[in-house]
Amino acid sequence: MHEIERIAAFVERAHWEMLSEEARRALKIRLLDSIGCAIGALQGRPVRAVREQVNAFGGTGEVTLIGGGKTAPDRAAFYNGTLIRYLDFMDFYTARKQTCHPSDNVAAVLAAAEDRGRSGRDLLVATAISYQIQARLLEEAPVQSKGFDHTVQQAYSVAAGVSKALGLSGAQTAHAMALSGVAQQGMIAVREGHLSQWKGIASAHHGAAALSCTYLASRGVTGPLGIIEGRLGLEEALAGRFYIDWENEDLERVLRSSVKRYNAEAHTQSIVEAVLDLRREHRVLGENPASIAQVEIDVFEQAYNIVAPGGKEAGDKDDVHSKEQADHSIPYIVAVALLDGQVGPAQYEPERIARADVQELLHRVHVDDARRLTRRYPDELPCRVRIRLANGAKLALEKVDYLGYFTRPLSWNEVVSKFTDLAEQNAGLELAARIVELVDGLEVHDVRTLTALLAGARRSVSERSGVRRAS
């Protein structure tokens, strides 16, 4: 049996009763969080470009676009996936050598589940499968050091989740993952150096492509079943030899994923919490930025490489002029947190990024790679923050995690609050409350009832002209 067939057998036998109550609740939290991120992104400039292209390309189908409209499943997966991803406010999963965003799977799985008229239970199980497979491959088969992105593992996880939503056989699922896996190897260059808008779109593109591959497999198209262990397959070409006991795998990995509390890159979440804690305790920090002489941040290696000036993949994080650069720059994120007392979509509006106060302060933020902190990652998300004031006073705070990391998860009510903040302007409070209620009891509803609500955000958008989200 090929390795891909072992994974497919795991997908085929997975079922609702395998999920603990804690995992079921966590899946609902991730789904609600993803929907909130999507509704909050409806006015993003690249999002509008994707919508224009989806409309121009057409496509026969009855799958819902968040905010209104119907299209083919692959186009819905692309557009809705872009919405979920664009704000960079969605969940994440930390392994020692690579990080991913499991909610990158949601749009494609949702599209397939709606297309086939599945139940809420079916959607949650298929989503859990995607989370499990992407997380386990990320842990055992990391590819970042070879220059490849987490969309490599996503190719397999989306195909698996979509296969479950479509009700495919084990053989069809194996071919779906083989087709998707061989076709998609996204490069880490998408988040290296001067970041482009593709950073917020790439995983949606890969998700839609994986869905297309899965539909082809459902029609009998075959793929290379030796894609993992075969000559020049995933192991030999990128990941090295690895083993996962799929025969005894569960569906609980969602519990080790984390929800962002702040609209910033995953590894900066503890830093933001520390900075905001210091700001609340010492009000002068927000009232007079000139009082801040220097900010020093100690981080673990993964954070340093990705979002710190001088990191291996980071590029120049002191030259910040776009949303994509800003939400992946520790200096900008720290500076705007000190100035505004929050880090949300509003902190990435072009006029906020360009303002002199933040542009000046970010150059007084310095980041160091601390080996001791690296040893504690990813069981912790540690950081040290030291602020030296112009009058010579020194402030310091160390964090091991933040409220939202898997070690200290957000409650349902806390995620509802985040969702409402994101959805209110583009959907209105009444519709937001109805979505919350439906997701809370999703197992007794069908998917099309949920997507009908998601389409309703369009009316609120048209009624609230002049309201914009991060772009």
Protein backbone atom coordinates (compact mmCIF):
# COMPACT_ATOMS: atom_id res chain seq x y z
CA MET A 1 0.00 0.00 0.00
CA HIS A 2 1.31 3.43 -0.94
CA GLU A 3 1.59 6.08 1.77
CA ILE A 4 -1.08 8.18 0.05
CA GLU A 5 -3.44 5.20 0.22
CA ARG A 6 -2.84 4.89 3.96
CA ILE A 7 -3.82 8.54 4.39
CA ALA A 8 -6.87 8.00 2.18
CA ALA A 9 -7.96 5.04 4.30
CA PHE A 10 -7.74 7.29 7.38
CA VAL A 11 -9.90 9.89 5.62
CA GLU A 12 -12.48 7.29 4.58
CA ARG A 13 -12.95 5.85 8.07
CA ALA A 14 -13.00 9.18 9.95
CA HIS A 15 -16.40 10.00 11.47
CA TRP A 16 -18.22 12.32 13.88
CA GLU A 17 -17.83 10.08 16.93
CA MET A 18 -14.03 10.32 16.65
CA LEU A 19 -14.24 13.98 17.67
CA SER A 20 -14.14 14.81 21.37
CA GLU A 21 -16.50 17.48 22.68
CA GLU A 22 -13.48 19.77 23.06
CA ALA A 23 -12.50 19.23 19.42
CA ARG A 24 -16.06 19.87 18.21
CA ARG A 25 -16.15 23.15 20.09
CA ALA A 26 -12.68 24.08 18.78
CA LEU A 27 -13.78 23.41 15.20
CA LYS A 28 -16.79 25.69 15.61
CA ILE A 29 -14.51 28.38 17.04
CA ARG A 30 -12.16 28.08 14.03
CA LEU A 31 -15.06 28.18 11.60
CA LEU A 32 -16.62 31.25 13.22
CA ASP A 33 -13.22 32.94 13.36
CA SER A 34 -12.64 32.21 9.66
CA ILE A 35 -16.03 33.62 8.73
CA GLY A 36 -15.34 36.75 10.75
CA CYS A 37 -12.02 37.26 8.98
CA ALA A 38 -13.77 36.79 5.62
CA ILE A 39 -16.57 39.28 6.29
CA GLY A 40 -14.06 41.77 7.67
CA ALA A 41 -12.07 41.57 4.42
CA LEU A 42 -14.90 42.25 1.97
CA GLN A 43 -13.60 45.71 1.05
CA GLY A 44 -9.92 44.78 0.61
CA ARG A 45 -8.39 45.96 -2.66
CA PRO A 46 -6.88 42.59 -3.77
CA VAL A 47 -10.12 40.92 -2.65
CA ARG A 48 -12.07 43.15 -5.00
CA ALA A 49 -9.69 42.22 -7.82
CA VAL A 50 -10.30 38.52 -7.18
CA ARG A 51 -14.07 39.11 -7.16
CA GLU A 52 -13.86 40.99 -10.45
CA GLN A 53 -11.96 38.09 -12.00
CA VAL A 54 -14.39 35.50 -10.64
CA ASN A 55 -17.28 37.49 -12.11
CA ALA A 56 -15.48 37.93 -15.45
CA PHE A 57 -14.53 34.26 -15.76
CA GLY A 58 -18.05 33.10 -14.88
CA GLY A 59 -18.69 29.48 -14.09
CA THR A 60 -21.84 27.42 -13.73
CA GLY A 61 -22.65 26.43 -10.17
CA GLU A 62 -24.70 27.07 -7.09
CA VAL A 63 -21.94 27.58 -4.54
CA THR A 64 -22.15 30.76 -2.47
CA LEU A 65 -19.73 33.65 -2.54
CA ILE A 66 -19.49 35.29 0.89
CA GLY A 67 -21.17 38.65 0.48
CA GLY A 68 -23.54 37.41 -2.23
CA GLY A 69 -23.58 35.64 -5.56
CA LYS A 70 -23.22 32.07 -6.82
CA THR A 71 -20.55 30.43 -8.91
CA ALA A 72 -18.69 27.19 -9.57
CA PRO A 73 -17.08 25.41 -6.58
CA ASP A 74 -13.48 26.20 -7.56
CA ARG A 75 -14.17 29.90 -8.01
CA ALA A 76 -16.05 30.05 -4.72
CA ALA A 77 -13.14 28.32 -2.99
CA PHE A 78 -10.72 30.85 -4.47
CA TYR A 79 -12.73 33.95 -3.60
CA ASN A 80 -13.87 32.83 -0.14
CA GLY A 81 -10.36 31.57 0.61
CA THR A 82 -8.95 34.97 -0.31
CA LEU A 83 -11.43 36.60 2.07
CA ILE A 84 -10.45 34.31 4.95
CA ARG A 85 -6.74 34.83 4.34
CA TYR A 86 -6.47 38.48 3.34
CA LEU A 87 -6.56 40.27 6.71
CA ASP A 88 -3.96 37.82 8.07
CA PHE A 89 -6.12 37.53 11.19
CA MET A 90 -6.95 33.79 10.89
CA ASP A 91 -5.76 30.86 13.01
CA PHE A 92 -2.34 29.19 12.84
CA TYR A 93 -0.46 26.02 13.77
CA THR A 94 3.10 26.01 15.06
CA ALA A 95 5.47 23.08 14.53
CA ARG A 96 9.16 23.26 15.31
CA LYS A 97 10.35 23.85 11.75
CA GLN A 98 7.32 25.32 9.99
CA THR A 99 4.04 27.14 10.61
CA CYS A 100 0.76 27.01 8.70
CA HIS A 101 -2.76 28.45 8.75
CA PRO A 102 -5.19 25.50 8.95
CA SER A 103 -8.14 27.75 8.10
CA ASP A 104 -6.67 27.88 4.58
CA ASN A 105 -8.58 24.61 4.17
CA VAL A 106 -11.98 26.01 5.15
CA ALA A 107 -13.15 27.70 1.94
CA ALA A 108 -12.58 24.67 -0.29
CA VAL A 109 -14.15 22.23 2.18
CA LEU A 110 -17.12 24.58 2.64
CA ALA A 111 -17.59 24.86 -1.15
CA ALA A 112 -17.62 21.09 -1.61
CA ALA A 113 -19.95 20.55 1.35
CA GLU A 114 -22.41 23.14 0.02
CA ASP A 115 -22.20 21.73 -3.49
CA ARG A 116 -23.21 18.27 -2.25
CA GLY A 117 -25.76 19.50 0.29
CA ARG A 118 -23.93 18.12 3.33
CA SER A 119 -24.85 18.48 6.98
CA GLY A 120 -23.08 20.65 9.54
CA ARG A 121 -21.62 17.47 11.04
CA ASP A 122 -20.19 16.49 7.67
CA LEU A 123 -18.58 19.92 7.34
CA LEU A 124 -16.99 19.74 10.78
CA VAL A 125 -15.62 16.24 10.20
CA ALA A 126 -14.18 17.18 6.80
CA THR A 127 -12.62 20.30 8.32
CA ALA A 128 -11.13 18.27 11.18
CA ILE A 129 -9.56 15.91 8.64
CA SER A 130 -7.93 18.82 6.81
CA TYR A 131 -6.62 20.30 10.06
CA GLN A 132 -5.24 16.92 11.14
CA ILE A 133 -3.46 16.11 7.90
CA GLN A 134 -1.91 19.52 7.37
CA ALA A 135 -0.73 19.68 10.99
CA ARG A 136 0.78 16.18 11.00
CA LEU A 137 2.54 16.70 7.68
CA LEU A 138 3.84 20.03 8.91
CA GLU A 139 5.30 18.34 11.99
CA GLU A 140 6.79 15.30 10.28
CA ALA A 141 7.50 16.60 6.77
CA PRO A 142 8.52 20.28 7.01
CA VAL A 143 9.74 21.83 3.76
CA GLN A 144 10.47 25.44 4.70
CA SER A 145 14.22 24.92 4.91
CA LYS A 146 14.17 23.80 1.27
CA GLY A 147 12.49 27.02 0.20
CA PHE A 148 8.89 25.78 0.04
CA ASP A 149 5.77 27.11 1.70
CA HIS A 150 3.11 25.44 3.87
CA THR A 151 0.87 25.26 0.80
CA VAL A 152 2.85 22.07 0.01
CA GLN A 153 1.17 20.29 2.93
CA GLN A 154 -2.08 22.16 2.22
CA ALA A 155 -2.29 20.47 -1.19
CA TYR A 156 -2.83 17.13 0.55
CA SER A 157 -5.03 18.41 3.38
CA VAL A 158 -7.48 20.30 1.16
CA ALA A 159 -7.83 17.34 -1.19
CA ALA A 160 -8.48 15.08 1.80
CA GLY A 161 -11.11 17.34 3.36
CA VAL A 162 -12.84 17.97 0.03
CA SER A 163 -12.84 14.23 -0.69
CA LYS A 164 -14.62 13.63 2.61
CA ALA A 165 -17.14 16.38 1.88
CA LEU A 166 -17.83 14.90 -1.55
CA GLY A 167 -18.19 11.39 -0.12
CA LEU A 168 -15.41 9.87 -2.25
CA SER A 169 -14.11 6.34 -1.83
CA GLY A 170 -10.68 5.62 -0.42
CA ALA A 171 -9.31 4.97 -3.91
CA GLN A 172 -10.72 8.24 -5.27
CA THR A 173 -9.36 10.13 -2.24
CA ALA A 174 -5.88 8.70 -2.79
CA HIS A 175 -5.89 9.86 -6.40
CA ALA A 176 -7.25 13.27 -5.40
CA MET A 177 -4.36 13.82 -2.95
CA ALA A 178 -1.85 12.47 -5.48
CA LEU A 179 -3.10 14.85 -8.17
CA SER A 180 -3.07 17.82 -5.84
CA GLY A 181 0.26 16.95 -4.22
CA VAL A 182 2.14 16.54 -7.49
CA ALA A 183 0.70 19.74 -8.96
CA GLN A 184 1.35 22.22 -6.15
CA GLN A 185 4.63 23.19 -4.51
CA GLY A 186 4.31 26.81 -3.43
CA MET A 187 7.59 28.57 -2.70
CA ILE A 188 8.48 30.40 0.51
CA ALA A 189 9.49 33.34 -1.70
CA VAL A 190 5.86 34.47 -1.39
CA ARG A 191 6.70 35.78 2.10
CA GLU A 192 10.34 36.74 1.58
CA GLY A 193 11.77 40.22 1.17
CA HIS A 194 9.47 43.00 -0.07
CA LEU A 195 6.08 41.32 0.37
CA SER A 196 3.51 41.52 -2.42
CA GLN A 197 -0.25 41.17 -2.38
CA TRP A 198 0.13 37.52 -3.45
CA LYS A 199 1.01 36.75 0.17
CA GLY A 200 -2.67 37.14 1.04
CA ILE A 201 -3.97 35.22 -1.98
CA ALA A 202 -1.58 32.31 -2.57
CA SER A 203 -3.15 29.79 -0.19
CA ALA A 204 -6.62 30.50 -1.62
CA HIS A 205 -5.27 29.78 -5.10
CA HIS A 206 -3.77 26.50 -3.90
CA GLY A 207 -6.98 25.56 -2.10
CA ALA A 208 -9.07 26.12 -5.21
CA ALA A 209 -6.60 24.12 -7.31
CA ALA A 210 -6.68 21.25 -4.80
CA LEU A 211 -10.49 21.27 -4.96
CA SER A 212 -10.34 21.08 -8.77
CA CYS A 213 -7.99 18.12 -8.58
CA THR A 214 -10.37 16.38 -6.20
CA TYR A 215 -13.35 16.86 -8.50
CA LEU A 216 -11.24 15.40 -11.34
CA ALA A 217 -10.46 12.37 -9.18
CA SER A 218 -14.19 11.95 -8.51
CA ARG A 219 -14.59 11.66 -12.29
CA GLY A 220 -11.97 8.93 -12.55
CA VAL A 221 -8.76 10.85 -13.27
CA THR A 222 -5.81 9.09 -11.65
CA GLY A 223 -2.69 10.50 -10.05
CA PRO A 224 0.79 9.19 -9.14
CA LEU A 225 0.14 7.11 -6.01
CA GLY A 226 3.85 7.05 -5.15
CA ILE A 227 3.82 10.82 -4.69
CA ILE A 228 5.12 10.59 -1.12
CA GLU A 229 7.56 7.67 -0.89
CA GLY A 230 8.26 7.09 -4.59
CA ARG A 231 11.31 8.20 -6.55
CA LEU A 232 11.43 12.03 -6.56
CA GLY A 233 8.28 12.14 -4.45
CA LEU A 234 7.71 14.35 -1.41
CA GLU A 235 10.19 12.47 0.77
CA GLU A 236 13.08 12.31 -1.68
CA ALA A 237 12.60 15.74 -3.23
CA LEU A 238 11.72 17.88 -0.21
CA ALA A 239 10.92 16.42 3.19
CA GLY A 240 13.17 13.43 3.83
CA ARG A 241 11.89 10.12 5.16
CA PHE A 242 9.07 10.32 7.70
CA TYR A 243 6.43 8.08 9.21
CA ILE A 244 2.94 8.81 10.54
CA ASP A 245 0.81 6.00 11.99
CA TRP A 246 -2.35 6.81 10.04
CA GLU A 247 -4.00 3.60 11.20
CA ASN A 248 -4.13 5.00 14.74
CA GLU A 249 -4.47 8.71 13.97
CA ASP A 250 -7.23 10.75 15.67
CA LEU A 251 -8.97 14.05 14.82
CA GLU A 252 -7.80 16.11 17.78
CA ARG A 253 -5.00 18.20 16.26
CA VAL A 254 -7.34 21.17 15.97
CA LEU A 255 -6.89 21.60 19.73
CA ARG A 256 -3.22 22.43 19.17
CA SER A 257 -3.97 25.20 16.68
CA SER A 258 -4.17 28.79 17.90
CA VAL A 259 -6.52 31.72 17.25
CA LYS A 260 -5.07 35.17 16.72
CA ARG A 261 -6.07 37.84 19.20
CA TYR A 262 -4.30 40.57 17.26
CA ASN A 263 -4.24 41.33 13.54
CA ALA A 264 -0.56 40.58 13.09
CA GLU A 265 1.74 37.78 11.99
CA ALA A 266 1.35 34.60 14.05
CA HIS A 267 4.71 34.67 15.83
CA THR A 268 4.21 38.27 17.01
CA GLN A 269 1.08 37.61 19.09
CA SER A 270 2.89 37.35 22.45
CA ILE A 271 4.94 40.44 21.60
CA VAL A 272 1.80 42.48 20.98
CA GLU A 273 0.23 41.29 24.21
CA ALA A 274 3.38 42.24 26.15
CA VAL A 275 3.57 45.69 24.52
CA LEU A 276 -0.09 46.41 25.19
CA ASP A 277 0.24 45.25 28.80
CA LEU A 278 3.15 47.66 29.31
CA ARG A 279 1.24 50.44 27.59
CA ARG A 280 -1.76 50.01 29.89
CA GLU A 281 0.47 50.00 32.96
CA HIS A 282 2.51 53.03 31.83
CA ARG A 283 0.13 55.41 30.06
CA VAL A 284 2.92 57.74 28.97
CA LEU A 285 3.86 55.33 26.20
CA GLY A 286 0.73 56.08 24.22
CA GLU A 287 0.44 59.75 25.09
CA ASN A 288 3.93 60.83 24.08
CA PRO A 289 5.84 58.65 21.60
CA ALA A 290 8.84 60.98 21.89
CA SER A 291 9.27 59.63 25.41
CA ILE A 292 10.30 56.24 23.97
CA ALA A 293 14.03 56.16 23.32
CA GLN A 294 14.32 52.53 22.26
CA VAL A 295 12.41 49.25 22.24
CA GLU A 296 14.29 45.94 22.34
CA ILE A 297 12.54 42.67 21.51
CA ASP A 298 14.01 39.20 22.04
CA VAL A 299 12.34 36.46 19.98
CA PHE A 300 12.83 32.83 19.00
CA GLU A 301 14.50 31.86 15.73
CA GLN A 302 11.36 31.23 13.65
CA ALA A 303 9.96 34.67 14.48
CA TYR A 304 13.32 36.33 13.85
CA ASN A 305 13.71 34.71 10.44
CA ILE A 306 10.25 35.68 9.23
CA VAL A 307 9.34 39.08 10.70
CA ALA A 308 12.48 40.71 12.12
CA PRO A 309 14.92 42.99 10.28
CA GLY A 310 17.87 40.86 9.18
CA GLY A 311 16.00 37.54 9.37
CA LYS A 312 16.78 34.89 6.78
CA GLU A 313 13.44 35.26 5.04
CA ALA A 314 12.41 38.67 6.25
CA GLY A 315 14.06 41.27 4.07
CA ASP A 316 14.00 44.89 5.18
CA LYS A 317 11.33 45.16 7.88
CA ASP A 318 12.18 48.81 8.55
CA ASP A 319 10.96 49.88 5.10
CA VAL A 320 7.19 49.56 5.53
CA HIS A 321 4.76 51.07 3.03
CA SER A 322 2.00 48.47 2.48
CA LYS A 323 -0.30 46.25 4.50
CA GLU A 324 1.62 43.15 3.42
CA GLN A 325 4.90 44.60 4.71
CA ALA A 326 3.34 46.04 7.86
CA ASP A 327 1.66 42.92 9.24
CA HIS A 328 4.93 40.99 8.78
CA SER A 329 7.20 43.58 10.43
CA ILE A 330 7.90 43.42 14.17
CA PRO A 331 9.08 47.07 14.22
CA TYR A 332 5.85 48.31 12.63
CA ILE A 333 3.58 46.07 14.71
CA VAL A 334 5.26 47.12 17.97
CA ALA A 335 5.29 50.80 17.05
CA VAL A 336 1.62 50.92 16.06
CA ALA A 337 0.63 48.96 19.18
CA LEU A 338 2.41 51.51 21.36
CA LEU A 339 0.83 54.43 19.53
CA ASP A 340 -2.73 53.17 19.05
CA GLY A 341 -3.20 50.72 21.90
CA GLN A 342 -4.52 48.10 19.50
CA VAL A 343 -3.53 46.09 16.43
CA GLY A 344 -6.52 45.51 14.17
CA PRO A 345 -7.47 46.04 10.53
CA ALA A 346 -7.52 49.82 11.02
CA GLN A 347 -3.79 49.76 11.78
CA TYR A 348 -3.12 48.62 8.21
CA GLU A 349 -5.01 51.32 6.37
CA PRO A 350 -2.61 53.04 3.92
CA GLU A 351 -2.94 56.40 5.64
CA ARG A 352 -2.11 54.86 9.03
CA ILE A 353 0.96 53.11 7.70
CA ALA A 354 2.24 56.31 6.08
CA ARG A 355 1.80 58.56 9.12
CA ALA A 356 5.02 60.09 10.46
CA ASP A 357 4.56 58.96 14.08
CA VAL A 358 4.66 55.25 13.32
CA GLN A 359 7.28 55.60 10.59
CA GLU A 360 9.60 57.36 13.04
CA LEU A 361 8.97 55.08 16.02
CA LEU A 362 9.44 51.81 14.14
CA HIS A 363 13.09 52.73 13.55
CA ARG A 364 13.60 52.74 17.32
CA VAL A 365 12.47 49.12 17.61
CA HIS A 366 15.29 46.56 17.56
CA VAL A 367 14.91 42.77 17.44
CA ASP A 368 17.34 40.06 18.54
CA ASP A 369 17.35 36.29 18.09
CA ALA A 370 17.50 34.61 21.54
CA ARG A 371 18.67 30.99 21.55
CA ARG A 372 17.10 30.26 24.95
CA LEU A 373 13.71 31.32 23.65
CA THR A 374 14.13 29.16 20.54
CA ARG A 375 14.50 26.04 22.69
CA ARG A 376 11.07 26.75 24.22
CA TYR A 377 9.25 27.07 20.88
CA PRO A 378 6.65 25.80 19.83
CA ASP A 379 5.49 24.52 23.23
CA GLU A 380 5.58 28.20 24.15
CA LEU A 381 5.43 31.40 22.10
CA PRO A 382 8.01 33.27 24.19
CA CYS A 383 9.33 36.82 23.95
CA ARG A 384 11.04 39.54 26.01
CA VAL A 385 10.17 43.21 25.63
CA ARG A 386 12.35 46.01 27.03
CA ILE A 387 11.49 49.69 26.63
CA ARG A 388 13.95 52.47 27.49
CA LEU A 389 12.38 55.88 27.99
CA ALA A 390 13.98 59.21 27.16
CA ASN A 391 14.21 60.02 30.89
CA GLY A 392 16.32 56.89 31.46
CA ALA A 393 13.55 54.73 32.97
CA LYS A 394 13.43 51.09 31.83
CA LEU A 395 10.37 48.88 31.46
CA ALA A 396 10.45 45.13 30.81
CA LEU A 397 8.06 42.21 30.42
CA GLU A 398 8.47 38.58 29.35
CA LYS A 399 5.72 36.36 27.95
CA VAL A 400 5.54 32.60 27.48
CA ASP A 401 2.38 32.77 25.35
CA TYR A 402 -0.66 34.97 24.76
CA LEU A 403 -4.41 34.66 25.25
CA GLY A 404 -5.35 32.69 22.13
CA TYR A 405 -2.34 30.33 21.91
CA PHE A 406 -3.22 26.67 22.24
CA THR A 407 -1.72 26.68 25.74
CA ARG A 408 -4.15 29.46 26.77
CA PRO A 409 -7.06 29.26 24.31
CA LEU A 410 -9.73 31.85 23.74
CA SER A 411 -13.21 30.93 24.98
CA TRP A 412 -16.26 30.78 22.73
CA ASN A 413 -17.47 34.13 24.04
CA GLU A 414 -14.09 35.75 23.42
CA VAL A 415 -14.09 34.52 19.82
CA VAL A 416 -17.67 35.72 19.40
CA SER A 417 -16.48 39.17 20.49
CA LYS A 418 -13.68 39.10 17.89
CA PHE A 419 -16.11 37.87 15.23
CA THR A 420 -18.62 40.62 16.01
CA ASP A 421 -15.95 43.31 15.84
CA LEU A 422 -14.90 42.06 12.41
CA ALA A 423 -18.38 41.43 11.02
CA GLU A 424 -20.32 44.40 12.36
CA GLN A 425 -19.38 47.00 9.74
CA ASN A 426 -19.84 44.74 6.73
CA ALA A 427 -22.71 42.54 7.92
CA GLY A 428 -24.48 44.38 10.73
CA LEU A 429 -25.11 43.16 14.26
CA GLU A 430 -28.35 41.29 13.50
CA LEU A 431 -26.84 39.12 10.78
CA ALA A 432 -23.67 38.61 12.83
CA ALA A 433 -25.75 37.32 15.75
CA ARG A 434 -27.63 34.91 13.48
CA ILE A 435 -24.36 33.51 12.12
CA VAL A 436 -23.02 33.03 15.66
CA GLU A 437 -26.17 31.17 16.70
CA LEU A 438 -26.09 28.89 13.66
CA VAL A 439 -22.41 28.01 13.99
CA ASP A 440 -22.92 27.31 17.70
CA GLY A 441 -25.47 24.61 16.81
CA LEU A 442 -24.04 23.68 13.41
CA GLU A 443 -24.32 19.93 13.93
CA VAL A 444 -28.14 20.13 13.70
CA HIS A 445 -28.17 22.35 10.59
CA ASP A 446 -27.15 21.85 6.97
CA VAL A 447 -24.35 23.71 5.24
CA ARG A 448 -26.61 25.55 2.82
CA THR A 449 -28.42 27.21 5.72
CA LEU A 450 -25.07 28.62 6.83
CA THR A 451 -23.98 29.78 3.38
CA ALA A 452 -27.33 31.50 2.82
CA LEU A 453 -26.53 33.67 5.84
CA LEU A 454 -23.02 34.37 4.55
CA ALA A 455 -24.46 35.63 1.28
CA GLY A 456 -26.55 38.15 3.21
CA ALA A 457 -23.57 40.33 4.10
CA ARG A 458 -23.89 41.95 0.66
CA ARG A 459 -26.98 43.96 1.64
CA SER A 460 -25.21 45.43 4.64
CA VAL A 461 -22.17 46.30 2.54
CA SER A 462 -24.27 48.22 0.02
CA GLU A 463 -26.11 50.01 2.79
CA ARG A 464 -22.92 51.08 4.53
CA SER A 465 -21.16 53.01 1.80
CA GLY A 466 -17.91 54.58 2.83
CA VAL A 467 -17.02 51.79 5.27
CA ARG A 468 -13.68 50.24 4.38
CA ARG A 469 -11.55 47.52 5.78
CA ALA A 470 -7.80 47.01 5.52
CA SER A 471 -6.58 47.21 1.97
